């Protein structure tokens, strides 16, 4: 799939799955990359039904952590 002009490249992995499940994803934002990662992979949730996803910007630097509820799709920054 061609990369859109405003997309950036992100390295994304689920914290509990480890780096061996890392994917490079092209999206417009950190949060969009986190959601795309979860939608693309069949991940087992952590004990609380959520997945913690670490997103690193490969083009501009920076890292964000998100908690994603697999039942509702609700996304929040990690505390």
N, C-alpha and C. Protein backbone atom coordinates (compact mmCIF):
# COMPACT_ATOMS: atom_id res chain seq x y z
N UNK A 1 0.85 -1.16 0.00
CA UNK A 1 0.00 0.00 0.00
C UNK A 1 0.89 1.23 0.00
N UNK A 2 0.63 2.20 -0.89
CA UNK A 2 1.46 3.40 -0.93
C UNK A 2 1.28 4.24 0.34
N UNK A 3 2.35 4.90 0.71
CA UNK A 3 2.32 5.75 1.90
C UNK A 3 1.74 7.10 1.54
N UNK A 4 0.74 7.55 2.29
CA UNK A 4 0.13 8.87 2.07
C UNK A 4 1.15 9.95 2.42
N UNK A 5 0.99 11.12 1.82
CA UNK A 5 1.95 12.20 1.99
C UNK A 5 2.13 12.63 3.45
N UNK A 6 1.07 12.57 4.26
CA UNK A 6 1.17 13.01 5.65
C UNK A 6 1.44 11.86 6.62
N UNK A 7 1.62 10.65 6.12
CA UNK A 7 1.91 9.52 6.99
C UNK A 7 3.38 9.51 7.41
N UNK A 8 3.61 8.98 8.61
CA UNK A 8 4.96 8.78 9.12
C UNK A 8 5.11 7.29 9.40
N UNK A 9 6.35 6.86 9.53
CA UNK A 9 6.62 5.45 9.84
C UNK A 9 6.80 5.29 11.34
N UNK A 10 6.10 4.29 11.89
CA UNK A 10 6.16 4.00 13.32
C UNK A 10 6.55 2.55 13.53
N UNK A 11 7.33 2.31 14.57
CA UNK A 11 7.62 0.96 15.05
C UNK A 11 6.67 0.72 16.22
N UNK A 12 5.88 -0.36 16.14
CA UNK A 12 4.84 -0.59 17.15
C UNK A 12 4.92 -2.02 17.66
N UNK A 13 4.81 -2.18 18.98
CA UNK A 13 4.72 -3.52 19.56
C UNK A 13 3.88 -3.48 20.84
N UNK A 14 3.28 -4.62 21.14
CA UNK A 14 2.53 -4.76 22.40
C UNK A 14 3.53 -5.08 23.49
N UNK A 15 3.45 -4.37 24.60
CA UNK A 15 4.43 -4.54 25.67
C UNK A 15 4.50 -5.99 26.15
N UNK A 16 3.35 -6.64 26.34
CA UNK A 16 3.36 -7.99 26.89
C UNK A 16 3.77 -9.05 25.85
N UNK A 17 3.71 -8.71 24.56
CA UNK A 17 4.10 -9.67 23.52
C UNK A 17 5.58 -9.59 23.21
N UNK A 18 6.24 -8.51 23.58
CA UNK A 18 7.67 -8.36 23.35
C UNK A 18 7.98 -7.83 21.96
N UNK A 19 9.23 -7.49 21.76
CA UNK A 19 9.65 -6.87 20.50
C UNK A 19 9.61 -7.82 19.31
N UNK A 20 9.52 -9.12 19.53
CA UNK A 20 9.45 -10.03 18.39
C UNK A 20 8.15 -9.86 17.60
N UNK A 21 7.18 -9.16 18.15
CA UNK A 21 5.91 -8.86 17.47
C UNK A 21 5.89 -7.44 16.90
N UNK A 22 7.05 -6.79 16.78
CA UNK A 22 7.13 -5.42 16.28
C UNK A 22 6.76 -5.36 14.81
N UNK A 23 6.00 -4.31 14.46
CA UNK A 23 5.63 -4.04 13.07
C UNK A 23 5.96 -2.59 12.75
N UNK A 24 6.34 -2.33 11.51
CA UNK A 24 6.51 -0.96 11.04
C UNK A 24 5.21 -0.60 10.32
N UNK A 25 4.59 0.49 10.78
CA UNK A 25 3.28 0.90 10.28
C UNK A 25 3.34 2.36 9.84
N UNK A 26 2.76 2.66 8.69
CA UNK A 26 2.67 4.03 8.20
C UNK A 26 1.30 4.58 8.52
N UNK A 27 1.28 5.64 9.32
CA UNK A 27 0.03 6.30 9.72
C UNK A 27 0.30 7.78 9.96
N UNK A 28 -0.75 8.54 10.16
CA UNK A 28 -0.63 9.98 10.35
C UNK A 28 -0.27 10.37 11.79
N UNK A 29 -0.55 9.49 12.77
CA UNK A 29 -0.31 9.85 14.17
C UNK A 29 0.08 8.62 14.99
N UNK A 30 0.60 8.89 16.19
CA UNK A 30 0.95 7.81 17.11
C UNK A 30 -0.27 6.95 17.41
N UNK A 31 -1.39 7.60 17.74
CA UNK A 31 -2.60 6.86 18.10
C UNK A 31 -3.12 6.03 16.93
N UNK A 32 -3.10 6.58 15.73
CA UNK A 32 -3.56 5.84 14.55
C UNK A 32 -2.68 4.61 14.32
N UNK A 33 -1.38 4.73 14.57
CA UNK A 33 -0.48 3.59 14.42
C UNK A 33 -0.78 2.52 15.46
N UNK A 34 -1.08 2.93 16.69
CA UNK A 34 -1.42 1.97 17.75
C UNK A 34 -2.68 1.20 17.40
N UNK A 35 -3.70 1.90 16.92
CA UNK A 35 -4.97 1.26 16.55
C UNK A 35 -4.76 0.32 15.37
N UNK A 36 -4.00 0.76 14.36
CA UNK A 36 -3.75 -0.08 13.19
C UNK A 36 -3.02 -1.36 13.59
N UNK A 37 -2.10 -1.26 14.52
CA UNK A 37 -1.36 -2.44 15.00
C UNK A 37 -2.31 -3.45 15.63
N UNK A 38 -3.16 -2.98 16.52
CA UNK A 38 -4.10 -3.88 17.21
C UNK A 38 -5.09 -4.48 16.22
N UNK A 39 -5.56 -3.69 15.27
CA UNK A 39 -6.50 -4.21 14.27
C UNK A 39 -5.87 -5.25 13.36
N UNK A 40 -4.55 -5.11 13.12
CA UNK A 40 -3.84 -5.99 12.19
C UNK A 40 -3.46 -7.34 12.80
N UNK A 41 -3.24 -7.37 14.10
CA UNK A 41 -2.77 -8.59 14.75
C UNK A 41 -3.82 -9.15 15.71
N UNK A 42 -3.87 -10.46 15.79
CA UNK A 42 -4.75 -11.10 16.77
C UNK A 42 -3.94 -11.23 18.06
N UNK A 43 -4.17 -10.30 18.98
CA UNK A 43 -3.44 -10.29 20.24
C UNK A 43 -4.33 -10.74 21.38
N UNK A 44 -3.77 -11.55 22.25
CA UNK A 44 -4.48 -11.88 23.48
C UNK A 44 -4.34 -10.69 24.42
N UNK A 45 -5.42 -10.31 25.09
CA UNK A 45 -5.33 -9.17 26.01
C UNK A 45 -4.55 -9.54 27.26
N UNK A 46 -4.12 -8.49 27.97
CA UNK A 46 -3.52 -8.69 29.28
C UNK A 46 -4.65 -9.08 30.24
N UNK A 47 -4.35 -9.26 31.50
CA UNK A 47 -5.34 -9.73 32.48
C UNK A 47 -6.58 -8.84 32.59
N UNK A 48 -6.44 -7.56 32.30
CA UNK A 48 -7.56 -6.62 32.46
C UNK A 48 -8.35 -6.40 31.16
N UNK A 49 -8.08 -7.19 30.11
CA UNK A 49 -8.81 -7.05 28.85
C UNK A 49 -8.28 -5.96 27.95
N UNK A 50 -7.16 -5.37 28.33
CA UNK A 50 -6.56 -4.31 27.54
C UNK A 50 -5.19 -4.75 27.01
N UNK A 51 -4.68 -3.98 26.06
CA UNK A 51 -3.35 -4.21 25.51
C UNK A 51 -2.58 -2.90 25.65
N UNK A 52 -1.35 -2.98 26.12
CA UNK A 52 -0.48 -1.82 26.17
C UNK A 52 0.41 -1.85 24.95
N UNK A 53 0.36 -0.76 24.16
CA UNK A 53 1.08 -0.69 22.90
C UNK A 53 2.10 0.44 22.96
N UNK A 54 3.34 0.14 22.59
CA UNK A 54 4.43 1.11 22.55
C UNK A 54 4.64 1.51 21.09
N UNK A 55 4.60 2.82 20.82
CA UNK A 55 4.71 3.35 19.46
C UNK A 55 5.91 4.29 19.40
N UNK A 56 6.85 4.01 18.49
CA UNK A 56 8.03 4.85 18.31
C UNK A 56 8.01 5.44 16.91
N UNK A 57 8.23 6.75 16.80
CA UNK A 57 8.27 7.44 15.51
C UNK A 57 9.64 7.22 14.88
N UNK A 58 9.69 6.51 13.76
CA UNK A 58 10.95 6.21 13.10
C UNK A 58 11.47 7.39 12.29
N UNK A 59 10.60 8.31 11.93
CA UNK A 59 11.00 9.43 11.09
C UNK A 59 11.40 10.66 11.90
N UNK A 60 10.67 10.97 12.95
CA UNK A 60 10.92 12.20 13.70
C UNK A 60 11.34 12.00 15.13
N UNK A 61 11.36 10.77 15.60
CA UNK A 61 11.71 10.49 16.98
C UNK A 61 10.50 10.60 17.90
N UNK A 62 10.68 10.19 19.10
CA UNK A 62 9.61 10.23 20.09
C UNK A 62 8.96 8.88 20.27
N UNK A 63 8.38 8.70 21.43
CA UNK A 63 7.72 7.44 21.77
C UNK A 63 6.49 7.73 22.62
N UNK A 64 5.43 6.96 22.38
CA UNK A 64 4.21 7.07 23.17
C UNK A 64 3.74 5.68 23.55
N UNK A 65 3.02 5.61 24.65
CA UNK A 65 2.44 4.37 25.14
C UNK A 65 0.93 4.55 25.21
N UNK A 66 0.19 3.54 24.73
CA UNK A 66 -1.27 3.59 24.76
C UNK A 66 -1.83 2.32 25.37
N UNK A 67 -2.94 2.47 26.11
CA UNK A 67 -3.72 1.33 26.60
C UNK A 67 -4.96 1.26 25.74
N UNK A 68 -5.20 0.10 25.14
CA UNK A 68 -6.35 -0.09 24.25
C UNK A 68 -7.23 -1.19 24.81
N UNK A 69 -8.50 -0.87 25.05
CA UNK A 69 -9.48 -1.85 25.50
C UNK A 69 -9.95 -2.62 24.28
N UNK A 70 -9.72 -3.92 24.25
CA UNK A 70 -10.06 -4.72 23.08
C UNK A 70 -11.56 -4.93 22.91
N UNK A 71 -12.33 -4.74 23.98
CA UNK A 71 -13.78 -4.88 23.88
C UNK A 71 -14.45 -3.62 23.32
N UNK A 72 -14.00 -2.45 23.80
CA UNK A 72 -14.66 -1.20 23.41
C UNK A 72 -13.89 -0.40 22.36
N UNK A 73 -12.59 -0.67 22.22
CA UNK A 73 -11.76 0.12 21.31
C UNK A 73 -11.28 1.42 21.91
N UNK A 74 -11.64 1.69 23.17
CA UNK A 74 -11.23 2.92 23.83
C UNK A 74 -9.71 2.94 23.99
N UNK A 75 -9.13 4.08 23.64
CA UNK A 75 -7.67 4.25 23.68
C UNK A 75 -7.32 5.40 24.61
N UNK A 76 -6.32 5.16 25.48
CA UNK A 76 -5.86 6.20 26.39
C UNK A 76 -4.35 6.11 26.52
N UNK A 77 -3.73 7.25 26.81
CA UNK A 77 -2.28 7.25 27.07
C UNK A 77 -2.00 6.48 28.34
N UNK A 78 -0.85 5.82 28.39
CA UNK A 78 -0.45 5.12 29.61
C UNK A 78 -0.12 6.13 30.69
N UNK A 79 -0.37 5.77 31.92
CA UNK A 79 -0.08 6.67 33.06
C UNK A 79 1.35 6.52 33.49
